[in-house]
Amino acid sequence: MRELLKGISKSLGLDENFIHEKMSVESGSQLLVINFYPACPNPELVMGLPAHTDHGLLTLLTQNEFGGLQIQYNGQWIPVNPLPNSFLINTGDHLEILTNGKIKSVIHRVLVNNKGARISVATAQGPPLEAVVSPAPELVGDDNPAAYRAITYRDYLTIQKSNELHGKSCLDRIRI
């Protein structure tokens, strides 16, 4: 994750350790999620995981050969077919907030299938729970005003867990 955040920082024209330091990644939060979706005789009637975005900075994901992950692009659902034994990287809401929308959080969902059980393992990296996250001043200006209000990571998680989002991002709740 550290190397990925360095690359993202550099791509934004910032010092390579900018995101890592700004988000206090060393003392940040990390979440490990293991998902098991059994084979389903009628996959067209069931959703494995509804549309959502991840709340942190980055999520690293690996899955078995049964796939099912889709990302939303231009209003269409695109299947993600990763190479075997590879990792997928999802950008999260707090990376979008910090970059003032230059890097977008990925809306994704998971479909079940009737061929076999889908297994995925994901680890999400975020700032410390008490970190106040807002658009970085270095990425805000007269021609690019702040797009999000500041919020603690803990408060953002509380909002995300307490509301029905109906396929929308929690970002809509803090957008200016």
N, C-alpha and C. Protein backbone atom coordinates (compact mmCIF):
# COMPACT_ATOMS: atom_id res chain seq x y z
N MET A 1 0.83 -1.19 0.00
CA MET A 1 0.00 0.00 0.00
C MET A 1 0.88 1.25 0.00
N ARG A 2 1.96 1.19 0.76
CA ARG A 2 2.85 2.36 0.85
C ARG A 2 3.37 2.75 -0.54
N GLU A 3 3.79 1.77 -1.32
CA GLU A 3 4.32 2.06 -2.66
C GLU A 3 3.23 2.61 -3.58
N LEU A 4 2.03 2.07 -3.46
CA LEU A 4 0.92 2.58 -4.27
C LEU A 4 0.61 4.03 -3.90
N LEU A 5 0.59 4.34 -2.61
CA LEU A 5 0.31 5.71 -2.17
C LEU A 5 1.42 6.66 -2.61
N LYS A 6 2.67 6.17 -2.65
CA LYS A 6 3.77 7.00 -3.16
C LYS A 6 3.53 7.36 -4.62
N GLY A 7 3.16 6.36 -5.41
CA GLY A 7 2.90 6.60 -6.83
C GLY A 7 1.75 7.56 -7.05
N ILE A 8 0.70 7.42 -6.27
CA ILE A 8 -0.45 8.32 -6.40
C ILE A 8 -0.05 9.73 -6.02
N SER A 9 0.70 9.88 -4.92
CA SER A 9 1.18 11.21 -4.50
C SER A 9 1.98 11.86 -5.61
N LYS A 10 2.91 11.12 -6.19
CA LYS A 10 3.76 11.66 -7.25
C LYS A 10 2.93 12.03 -8.48
N SER A 11 1.92 11.21 -8.79
CA SER A 11 1.09 11.50 -9.97
C SER A 11 0.30 12.79 -9.80
N LEU A 12 0.10 13.21 -8.55
CA LEU A 12 -0.60 14.46 -8.26
C LEU A 12 0.35 15.65 -8.18
N GLY A 13 1.64 15.40 -8.42
CA GLY A 13 2.63 16.46 -8.36
C GLY A 13 3.06 16.81 -6.94
N LEU A 14 2.84 15.88 -6.02
CA LEU A 14 3.19 16.10 -4.62
C LEU A 14 4.38 15.23 -4.23
N ASP A 15 4.96 15.51 -3.08
CA ASP A 15 6.04 14.67 -2.56
C ASP A 15 5.53 13.23 -2.44
N GLU A 16 6.38 12.26 -2.71
CA GLU A 16 5.94 10.87 -2.74
C GLU A 16 5.36 10.37 -1.41
N ASN A 17 5.73 10.97 -0.31
CA ASN A 17 5.20 10.55 0.99
C ASN A 17 4.02 11.40 1.46
N PHE A 18 3.51 12.27 0.59
CA PHE A 18 2.46 13.21 0.98
C PHE A 18 1.24 12.50 1.58
N ILE A 19 0.63 11.58 0.85
CA ILE A 19 -0.59 10.91 1.32
C ILE A 19 -0.29 10.10 2.57
N HIS A 20 0.80 9.37 2.55
CA HIS A 20 1.18 8.54 3.69
C HIS A 20 1.28 9.37 4.96
N GLU A 21 1.93 10.52 4.87
CA GLU A 21 2.11 11.38 6.04
C GLU A 21 0.82 12.13 6.39
N LYS A 22 0.15 12.68 5.39
CA LYS A 22 -1.08 13.46 5.63
C LYS A 22 -2.16 12.60 6.28
N MET A 23 -2.22 11.35 5.92
CA MET A 23 -3.25 10.45 6.43
C MET A 23 -2.75 9.60 7.60
N SER A 24 -1.53 9.85 8.07
CA SER A 24 -0.96 9.10 9.20
C SER A 24 -1.17 7.59 9.04
N VAL A 25 -0.80 7.09 7.86
CA VAL A 25 -1.06 5.70 7.52
C VAL A 25 -0.41 4.73 8.51
N GLU A 26 0.77 5.06 9.03
CA GLU A 26 1.43 4.17 9.98
C GLU A 26 0.57 3.88 11.21
N SER A 27 -0.20 4.85 11.65
CA SER A 27 -1.07 4.64 12.82
C SER A 27 -2.53 4.56 12.41
N GLY A 28 -2.77 4.36 11.12
CA GLY A 28 -4.13 4.32 10.60
C GLY A 28 -4.85 3.02 10.90
N SER A 29 -5.97 2.86 10.27
CA SER A 29 -6.79 1.68 10.48
C SER A 29 -6.65 0.74 9.30
N GLN A 30 -6.82 -0.53 9.59
CA GLN A 30 -6.79 -1.53 8.54
C GLN A 30 -7.89 -2.53 8.83
N LEU A 31 -8.58 -2.92 7.79
CA LEU A 31 -9.72 -3.82 7.92
C LEU A 31 -9.47 -5.02 7.00
N LEU A 32 -9.64 -6.21 7.54
CA LEU A 32 -9.52 -7.43 6.75
C LEU A 32 -10.90 -8.05 6.63
N VAL A 33 -11.31 -8.32 5.39
CA VAL A 33 -12.64 -8.88 5.13
C VAL A 33 -12.48 -10.12 4.26
N ILE A 34 -13.07 -11.22 4.71
CA ILE A 34 -13.08 -12.45 3.92
C ILE A 34 -14.54 -12.74 3.58
N ASN A 35 -14.83 -12.85 2.29
CA ASN A 35 -16.20 -13.07 1.83
C ASN A 35 -16.32 -14.46 1.21
N PHE A 36 -17.43 -15.13 1.50
CA PHE A 36 -17.75 -16.42 0.93
C PHE A 36 -19.15 -16.34 0.34
N TYR A 37 -19.25 -16.54 -0.95
CA TYR A 37 -20.54 -16.52 -1.65
C TYR A 37 -20.77 -17.92 -2.22
N PRO A 38 -21.64 -18.72 -1.62
CA PRO A 38 -21.86 -20.07 -2.15
C PRO A 38 -22.47 -20.03 -3.54
N ALA A 39 -22.27 -21.11 -4.27
CA ALA A 39 -22.92 -21.23 -5.59
C ALA A 39 -24.43 -21.08 -5.39
N CYS A 40 -25.07 -20.42 -6.33
CA CYS A 40 -26.50 -20.13 -6.21
C CYS A 40 -27.22 -20.70 -7.44
N PRO A 41 -28.25 -21.50 -7.25
CA PRO A 41 -28.94 -22.07 -8.41
C PRO A 41 -29.64 -21.02 -9.29
N ASN A 42 -29.99 -19.88 -8.73
CA ASN A 42 -30.66 -18.82 -9.49
C ASN A 42 -29.92 -17.49 -9.26
N PRO A 43 -28.73 -17.33 -9.82
CA PRO A 43 -27.94 -16.12 -9.55
C PRO A 43 -28.60 -14.83 -10.04
N GLU A 44 -29.50 -14.93 -10.99
CA GLU A 44 -30.18 -13.72 -11.49
C GLU A 44 -31.15 -13.14 -10.46
N LEU A 45 -31.47 -13.91 -9.41
CA LEU A 45 -32.40 -13.45 -8.38
C LEU A 45 -31.71 -12.93 -7.12
N VAL A 46 -30.38 -13.04 -7.08
CA VAL A 46 -29.64 -12.73 -5.85
C VAL A 46 -28.48 -11.79 -6.15
N MET A 47 -28.22 -10.87 -5.24
CA MET A 47 -27.05 -9.99 -5.34
C MET A 47 -26.07 -10.42 -4.26
N GLY A 48 -24.84 -10.65 -4.63
CA GLY A 48 -23.83 -11.02 -3.65
C GLY A 48 -23.54 -9.88 -2.70
N LEU A 49 -23.25 -8.71 -3.23
CA LEU A 49 -23.00 -7.51 -2.44
C LEU A 49 -23.46 -6.33 -3.29
N PRO A 50 -24.39 -5.51 -2.79
CA PRO A 50 -24.92 -4.41 -3.60
C PRO A 50 -23.87 -3.34 -3.88
N ALA A 51 -24.19 -2.46 -4.78
CA ALA A 51 -23.29 -1.38 -5.19
C ALA A 51 -22.88 -0.54 -4.00
N HIS A 52 -21.58 -0.23 -3.93
CA HIS A 52 -21.05 0.57 -2.83
C HIS A 52 -19.66 1.08 -3.20
N THR A 53 -19.15 1.96 -2.38
CA THR A 53 -17.76 2.38 -2.48
C THR A 53 -17.08 2.01 -1.17
N ASP A 54 -15.78 1.89 -1.19
CA ASP A 54 -15.02 1.60 0.03
C ASP A 54 -14.69 2.91 0.72
N HIS A 55 -14.69 2.92 2.03
CA HIS A 55 -14.54 4.16 2.77
C HIS A 55 -13.11 4.63 2.94
N GLY A 56 -12.13 3.78 2.87
CA GLY A 56 -10.76 4.16 3.19
C GLY A 56 -10.00 4.79 2.04
N LEU A 57 -8.70 4.57 2.04
CA LEU A 57 -7.84 5.10 0.99
C LEU A 57 -7.75 4.12 -0.17
N LEU A 58 -7.26 2.93 0.13
CA LEU A 58 -7.12 1.87 -0.88
C LEU A 58 -7.59 0.55 -0.30
N THR A 59 -8.12 -0.30 -1.17
CA THR A 59 -8.47 -1.66 -0.78
C THR A 59 -7.75 -2.61 -1.73
N LEU A 60 -7.05 -3.56 -1.15
CA LEU A 60 -6.36 -4.61 -1.90
C LEU A 60 -7.24 -5.84 -1.86
N LEU A 61 -7.53 -6.46 -3.01
CA LEU A 61 -8.47 -7.57 -3.07
C LEU A 61 -7.90 -8.70 -3.91
N THR A 62 -8.08 -9.91 -3.44
CA THR A 62 -7.79 -11.08 -4.26
C THR A 62 -9.02 -11.98 -4.20
N GLN A 63 -9.26 -12.71 -5.29
CA GLN A 63 -10.44 -13.56 -5.35
C GLN A 63 -10.10 -14.85 -6.08
N ASN A 64 -10.92 -15.87 -5.87
CA ASN A 64 -10.70 -17.12 -6.58
C ASN A 64 -11.21 -17.02 -8.01
N GLU A 65 -11.20 -18.14 -8.70
CA GLU A 65 -11.50 -18.14 -10.14
C GLU A 65 -12.96 -17.84 -10.48
N PHE A 66 -13.85 -17.72 -9.48
CA PHE A 66 -15.26 -17.51 -9.78
C PHE A 66 -15.67 -16.05 -9.88
N GLY A 67 -14.75 -15.15 -9.73
CA GLY A 67 -15.00 -13.74 -10.00
C GLY A 67 -16.30 -13.21 -9.43
N GLY A 68 -16.96 -12.36 -10.21
CA GLY A 68 -18.22 -11.76 -9.80
C GLY A 68 -18.13 -10.27 -9.53
N LEU A 69 -16.91 -9.75 -9.36
CA LEU A 69 -16.74 -8.33 -9.09
C LEU A 69 -17.03 -7.53 -10.36
N GLN A 70 -17.79 -6.46 -10.21
CA GLN A 70 -18.07 -5.54 -11.31
C GLN A 70 -17.85 -4.12 -10.81
N ILE A 71 -17.34 -3.26 -11.71
CA ILE A 71 -17.21 -1.84 -11.38
C ILE A 71 -18.14 -1.05 -12.28
N GLN A 72 -18.58 0.09 -11.78
CA GLN A 72 -19.45 0.95 -12.57
C GLN A 72 -18.59 1.97 -13.31
N TYR A 73 -18.82 2.04 -14.61
CA TYR A 73 -18.09 2.98 -15.46
C TYR A 73 -19.07 3.56 -16.47
N ASN A 74 -19.22 4.90 -16.45
CA ASN A 74 -20.16 5.58 -17.35
C ASN A 74 -21.56 4.97 -17.29
N GLY A 75 -22.00 4.63 -16.08
CA GLY A 75 -23.35 4.10 -15.90
C GLY A 75 -23.52 2.64 -16.26
N GLN A 76 -22.46 1.99 -16.70
CA GLN A 76 -22.52 0.58 -17.08
C GLN A 76 -21.75 -0.28 -16.07
N TRP A 77 -22.20 -1.51 -15.86
CA TRP A 77 -21.49 -2.44 -15.00
C TRP A 77 -20.52 -3.26 -15.84
N ILE A 78 -19.24 -3.17 -15.48
CA ILE A 78 -18.17 -3.83 -16.23
C ILE A 78 -17.60 -4.95 -15.37
N PRO A 79 -17.61 -6.21 -15.88
CA PRO A 79 -17.01 -7.30 -15.11
C PRO A 79 -15.49 -7.12 -14.99
N VAL A 80 -14.97 -7.43 -13.83
CA VAL A 80 -13.53 -7.37 -13.60
C VAL A 80 -13.03 -8.81 -13.65
N ASN A 81 -12.15 -9.08 -14.60
CA ASN A 81 -11.60 -10.42 -14.77
C ASN A 81 -10.09 -10.37 -14.54
N PRO A 82 -9.69 -10.42 -13.26
CA PRO A 82 -8.27 -10.31 -12.97
C PRO A 82 -7.49 -11.55 -13.38
N LEU A 83 -6.20 -11.37 -13.54
CA LEU A 83 -5.32 -12.50 -13.80
C LEU A 83 -5.29 -13.39 -12.56
N PRO A 84 -5.09 -14.69 -12.75
CA PRO A 84 -5.01 -15.58 -11.58
C PRO A 84 -3.87 -15.14 -10.65
N ASN A 85 -4.10 -15.30 -9.34
CA ASN A 85 -3.11 -14.98 -8.30
C ASN A 85 -2.67 -13.52 -8.34
N SER A 86 -3.58 -12.63 -8.70
CA SER A 86 -3.25 -11.21 -8.75
C SER A 86 -4.05 -10.46 -7.69
N PHE A 87 -3.70 -9.20 -7.50
CA PHE A 87 -4.43 -8.32 -6.59
C PHE A 87 -5.13 -7.25 -7.40
N LEU A 88 -6.32 -6.89 -6.98
CA LEU A 88 -7.05 -5.75 -7.53
C LEU A 88 -6.93 -4.62 -6.51
N ILE A 89 -6.88 -3.40 -6.98
CA ILE A 89 -6.80 -2.24 -6.10
C ILE A 89 -8.02 -1.37 -6.35
N ASN A 90 -8.79 -1.12 -5.29
CA ASN A 90 -9.90 -0.17 -5.36
C ASN A 90 -9.50 1.10 -4.65
N THR A 91 -9.77 2.23 -5.27
CA THR A 91 -9.56 3.50 -4.59
C THR A 91 -10.82 3.80 -3.78
N GLY A 92 -10.64 4.40 -2.60
CA GLY A 92 -11.74 4.62 -1.68
C GLY A 92 -12.14 6.07 -1.51
N ASP A 93 -13.18 6.27 -0.74
CA ASP A 93 -13.77 7.58 -0.52
C ASP A 93 -12.78 8.58 0.08
N HIS A 94 -11.96 8.14 1.01
CA HIS A 94 -11.06 9.10 1.66
C HIS A 94 -9.91 9.53 0.76
N LEU A 95 -9.57 8.71 -0.22
CA LEU A 95 -8.60 9.16 -1.22
C LEU A 95 -9.26 10.21 -2.11
N GLU A 96 -10.53 10.02 -2.43
CA GLU A 96 -11.25 11.03 -3.22
C GLU A 96 -11.38 12.34 -2.46
N ILE A 97 -11.70 12.26 -1.16
CA ILE A 97 -11.82 13.48 -0.35
C ILE A 97 -10.48 14.21 -0.31
N LEU A 98 -9.42 13.50 0.04
CA LEU A 98 -8.11 14.10 0.18
C LEU A 98 -7.64 14.75 -1.13
N THR A 99 -7.91 14.09 -2.26
CA THR A 99 -7.45 14.61 -3.55
C THR A 99 -8.45 15.57 -4.17
N ASN A 100 -9.48 15.93 -3.42
CA ASN A 100 -10.52 16.86 -3.88
C ASN A 100 -11.15 16.39 -5.19
N GLY A 101 -11.33 15.08 -5.30
CA GLY A 101 -12.00 14.50 -6.46
C GLY A 101 -11.11 14.18 -7.65
N LYS A 102 -9.82 14.46 -7.55
CA LYS A 102 -8.92 14.13 -8.66
C LYS A 102 -8.82 12.62 -8.84
N ILE A 103 -8.84 11.89 -7.75
CA ILE A 103 -8.87 10.42 -7.78
C ILE A 103 -10.24 10.02 -7.28
N LYS A 104 -10.99 9.30 -8.08
CA LYS A 104 -12.36 8.93 -7.74
C LYS A 104 -12.43 7.60 -7.01
N SER A 105 -13.37 7.51 -6.10
CA SER A 105 -13.69 6.27 -5.42
C SER A 105 -14.44 5.38 -6.41
N VAL A 106 -14.17 4.10 -6.38
CA VAL A 106 -14.74 3.17 -7.36
C VAL A 106 -16.03 2.56 -6.83
N ILE A 107 -17.12 2.75 -7.58
CA ILE A 107 -18.39 2.09 -7.24
C ILE A 107 -18.31 0.67 -7.78
N HIS A 108 -18.58 -0.29 -6.92
CA HIS A 108 -18.49 -1.69 -7.34
C HIS A 108 -19.56 -2.53 -6.64
N ARG A 109 -19.75 -3.73 -7.17
CA ARG A 109 -20.70 -4.68 -6.60
C ARG A 109 -20.18 -6.09 -6.87
N VAL A 110 -20.86 -7.08 -6.29
CA VAL A 110 -20.45 -8.47 -6.49
C VAL A 110 -21.69 -9.29 -6.87
N LEU A 111 -21.55 -10.06 -7.92
CA LEU A 111 -22.61 -10.97 -8.35
C LEU A 111 -22.26 -12.39 -7.94
N VAL A 112 -23.27 -13.19 -7.68
CA VAL A 112 -23.06 -14.61 -7.39
C VAL A 112 -23.17 -15.39 -8.70
N ASN A 113 -22.83 -16.66 -8.65
CA ASN A 113 -22.91 -17.50 -9.85
C ASN A 113 -23.44 -18.88 -9.47
N ASN A 114 -23.71 -19.71 -10.46
CA ASN A 114 -24.21 -21.06 -10.20
C ASN A 114 -23.15 -22.13 -10.45
N LYS A 115 -21.91 -21.73 -10.68
CA LYS A 115 -20.84 -22.68 -11.01
C LYS A 115 -20.03 -23.12 -9.79
N GLY A 116 -19.86 -22.23 -8.82
CA GLY A 116 -19.06 -22.57 -7.65
C GLY A 116 -19.01 -21.44 -6.65
N ALA A 117 -18.45 -21.71 -5.51
CA ALA A 117 -18.37 -20.71 -4.44
C ALA A 117 -17.31 -19.66 -4.76
N ARG A 118 -17.68 -18.40 -4.60
CA ARG A 118 -16.73 -17.29 -4.78
C ARG A 118 -16.15 -16.94 -3.42
N ILE A 119 -14.85 -16.83 -3.38
CA ILE A 119 -14.16 -16.44 -2.15
C ILE A 119 -13.29 -15.24 -2.49
N SER A 120 -13.35 -14.22 -1.64
CA SER A 120 -12.48 -13.06 -1.82
C SER A 120 -11.91 -12.65 -0.46
N VAL A 121 -10.72 -12.09 -0.51
CA VAL A 121 -10.05 -11.57 0.67
C VAL A 121 -9.65 -10.14 0.35
N ALA A 122 -10.06 -9.21 1.20
CA ALA A 122 -9.76 -7.80 0.97
C ALA A 122 -9.17 -7.19 2.23
N THR A 123 -8.23 -6.28 2.04
CA THR A 123 -7.71 -5.50 3.15
C THR A 123 -7.80 -4.04 2.76
N ALA A 124 -8.45 -3.27 3.62
CA ALA A 124 -8.67 -1.85 3.36
C ALA A 124 -7.82 -1.02 4.32
N GLN A 125 -7.15 -0.04 3.78
CA GLN A 125 -6.29 0.85 4.56
C GLN A 125 -6.95 2.21 4.66
N GLY A 126 -7.00 2.76 5.88
CA GLY A 126 -7.58 4.07 6.08
C GLY A 126 -6.77 4.86 7.10
N PRO A 127 -7.13 6.11 7.29
CA PRO A 127 -6.45 6.93 8.30
C PRO A 127 -6.88 6.50 9.70
N PRO A 128 -6.26 7.06 10.75
CA PRO A 128 -6.73 6.80 12.12
C PRO A 128 -8.17 7.27 12.28
N LEU A 129 -8.91 6.66 13.18
CA LEU A 129 -10.32 6.99 13.35
C LEU A 129 -10.55 8.45 13.69
N GLU A 130 -9.64 9.09 14.42
CA GLU A 130 -9.81 10.49 14.81
C GLU A 130 -9.25 11.48 13.80
N ALA A 131 -8.67 10.99 12.71
CA ALA A 131 -8.11 11.89 11.69
C ALA A 131 -9.23 12.71 11.06
N VAL A 132 -8.99 14.00 10.91
CA VAL A 132 -9.92 14.87 10.19
C VAL A 132 -9.46 14.89 8.74
N VAL A 133 -10.32 14.43 7.87
CA VAL A 133 -9.98 14.33 6.46
C VAL A 133 -10.73 15.41 5.69
N SER A 134 -9.99 16.14 4.87
CA SER A 134 -10.56 17.19 4.04
C SER A 134 -9.71 17.27 2.78
N PRO A 135 -10.18 17.99 1.77
CA PRO A 135 -9.34 18.18 0.58
C PRO A 135 -8.01 18.83 0.97
N ALA A 136 -6.92 18.28 0.45
CA ALA A 136 -5.59 18.83 0.73
C ALA A 136 -5.50 20.24 0.18
N PRO A 137 -5.04 21.20 0.98
CA PRO A 137 -4.91 22.59 0.51
C PRO A 137 -4.08 22.70 -0.77
N GLU A 138 -3.13 21.79 -0.94
CA GLU A 138 -2.29 21.78 -2.14
C GLU A 138 -3.07 21.47 -3.41
N LEU A 139 -4.27 20.90 -3.26
CA LEU A 139 -5.09 20.50 -4.41
C LEU A 139 -6.36 21.33 -4.53
N VAL A 140 -6.43 22.41 -3.76
CA VAL A 140 -7.58 23.31 -3.78
C VAL A 140 -7.10 24.69 -4.19
N GLY A 141 -7.89 25.40 -4.97
CA GLY A 141 -7.53 26.76 -5.39
C GLY A 141 -8.75 27.49 -5.89
N ASP A 142 -8.54 28.73 -6.35
CA ASP A 142 -9.65 29.54 -6.86
C ASP A 142 -10.37 28.85 -8.01
N ASP A 143 -9.61 28.17 -8.87
CA ASP A 143 -10.20 27.49 -10.02
C ASP A 143 -10.64 26.06 -9.68
N ASN A 144 -10.36 25.61 -8.47
CA ASN A 144 -10.71 24.27 -8.04
C ASN A 144 -11.06 24.29 -6.54
N PRO A 145 -12.25 24.83 -6.18
CA PRO A 145 -12.61 24.95 -4.76
C PRO A 145 -12.81 23.58 -4.11
N ALA A 146 -12.75 23.55 -2.79
CA ALA A 146 -12.96 22.31 -2.04
C ALA A 146 -14.33 21.72 -2.41
N ALA A 147 -14.33 20.43 -2.69
CA ALA A 147 -15.56 19.75 -3.10
C ALA A 147 -16.23 19.01 -1.94
N TYR A 148 -15.50 18.85 -0.83
CA TYR A 148 -16.01 18.10 0.32
C TYR A 148 -15.74 18.86 1.60
N ARG A 149 -16.63 18.69 2.58
CA ARG A 149 -16.39 19.29 3.89
C ARG A 149 -15.52 18.34 4.71
N ALA A 150 -14.79 18.88 5.67
CA ALA A 150 -13.93 18.08 6.54
C ALA A 150 -14.79 17.21 7.45
N ILE A 151 -14.30 16.01 7.73
CA ILE A 151 -15.01 15.08 8.60
C ILE A 151 -13.99 14.11 9.19
N THR A 152 -14.24 13.66 10.42
CA THR A 152 -13.34 12.65 10.97
C THR A 152 -13.67 11.32 10.30
N TYR A 153 -12.66 10.49 10.25
CA TYR A 153 -12.85 9.16 9.66
C TYR A 153 -13.92 8.40 10.45
N ARG A 154 -13.89 8.50 11.77
CA ARG A 154 -14.89 7.83 12.61
C ARG A 154 -16.30 8.31 12.26
N ASP A 155 -16.51 9.62 12.15
CA ASP A 155 -17.84 10.15 11.82
C ASP A 155 -18.30 9.69 10.45
N TYR A 156 -17.37 9.61 9.51
CA TYR A 156 -17.72 9.15 8.17
C TYR A 156 -18.19 7.69 8.23
N LEU A 157 -17.47 6.86 8.98
CA LEU A 157 -17.88 5.46 9.12
C LEU A 157 -19.25 5.35 9.78
N THR A 158 -19.51 6.21 10.76
CA THR A 158 -20.82 6.21 11.42
C THR A 158 -21.92 6.55 10.43
N ILE A 159 -21.70 7.56 9.61
CA ILE A 159 -22.69 7.92 8.58
C ILE A 159 -22.90 6.75 7.63
N GLN A 160 -21.80 6.16 7.20
CA GLN A 160 -21.89 5.08 6.22
C GLN A 160 -22.66 3.87 6.77
N LYS A 161 -22.45 3.57 8.03
CA LYS A 161 -23.09 2.38 8.62
C LYS A 161 -24.53 2.63 9.07
N SER A 162 -24.94 3.89 9.18
CA SER A 162 -26.26 4.19 9.74
C SER A 162 -27.31 4.56 8.70
N ASN A 163 -26.94 4.65 7.46
CA ASN A 163 -27.90 5.10 6.44
C ASN A 163 -28.00 4.10 5.30
N GLU A 164 -29.17 4.02 4.77
CA GLU A 164 -29.37 3.26 3.54
C GLU A 164 -28.84 4.13 2.40
N LEU A 165 -27.84 3.64 1.69
CA LEU A 165 -27.23 4.46 0.64
C LEU A 165 -27.82 4.20 -0.74
N HIS A 166 -28.54 3.09 -0.90
CA HIS A 166 -29.21 2.78 -2.17
C HIS A 166 -28.27 2.89 -3.37
N GLY A 167 -27.10 2.28 -3.26
CA GLY A 167 -26.17 2.25 -4.38
C GLY A 167 -25.38 3.53 -4.58
N LYS A 168 -25.58 4.52 -3.72
CA LYS A 168 -24.85 5.77 -3.84
C LYS A 168 -23.70 5.78 -2.85
N SER A 169 -22.79 6.66 -3.10
CA SER A 169 -21.65 6.82 -2.22
C SER A 169 -22.01 7.69 -1.02
N CYS A 170 -21.41 7.40 0.10
CA CYS A 170 -21.55 8.25 1.29
C CYS A 170 -20.97 9.63 1.02
N LEU A 171 -20.13 9.74 0.01
CA LEU A 171 -19.55 11.03 -0.37
C LEU A 171 -20.62 12.08 -0.65
N ASP A 172 -21.77 11.63 -1.15
CA ASP A 172 -22.84 12.58 -1.44
C ASP A 172 -23.31 13.32 -0.18
N ARG A 173 -23.12 12.72 0.98
CA ARG A 173 -23.54 13.32 2.24
C ARG A 173 -22.60 14.45 2.71
N ILE A 174 -21.36 14.46 2.20
CA ILE A 174 -20.41 15.49 2.64
C ILE A 174 -19.96 16.39 1.50
N ARG A 175 -20.52 16.18 0.32
CA ARG A 175 -20.16 17.00 -0.84
C ARG A 175 -20.65 18.43 -0.60
N ILE A 176 -19.82 19.39 -0.95
CA ILE A 176 -20.18 20.82 -0.80
C ILE A 176 -20.97 21.25 -2.02
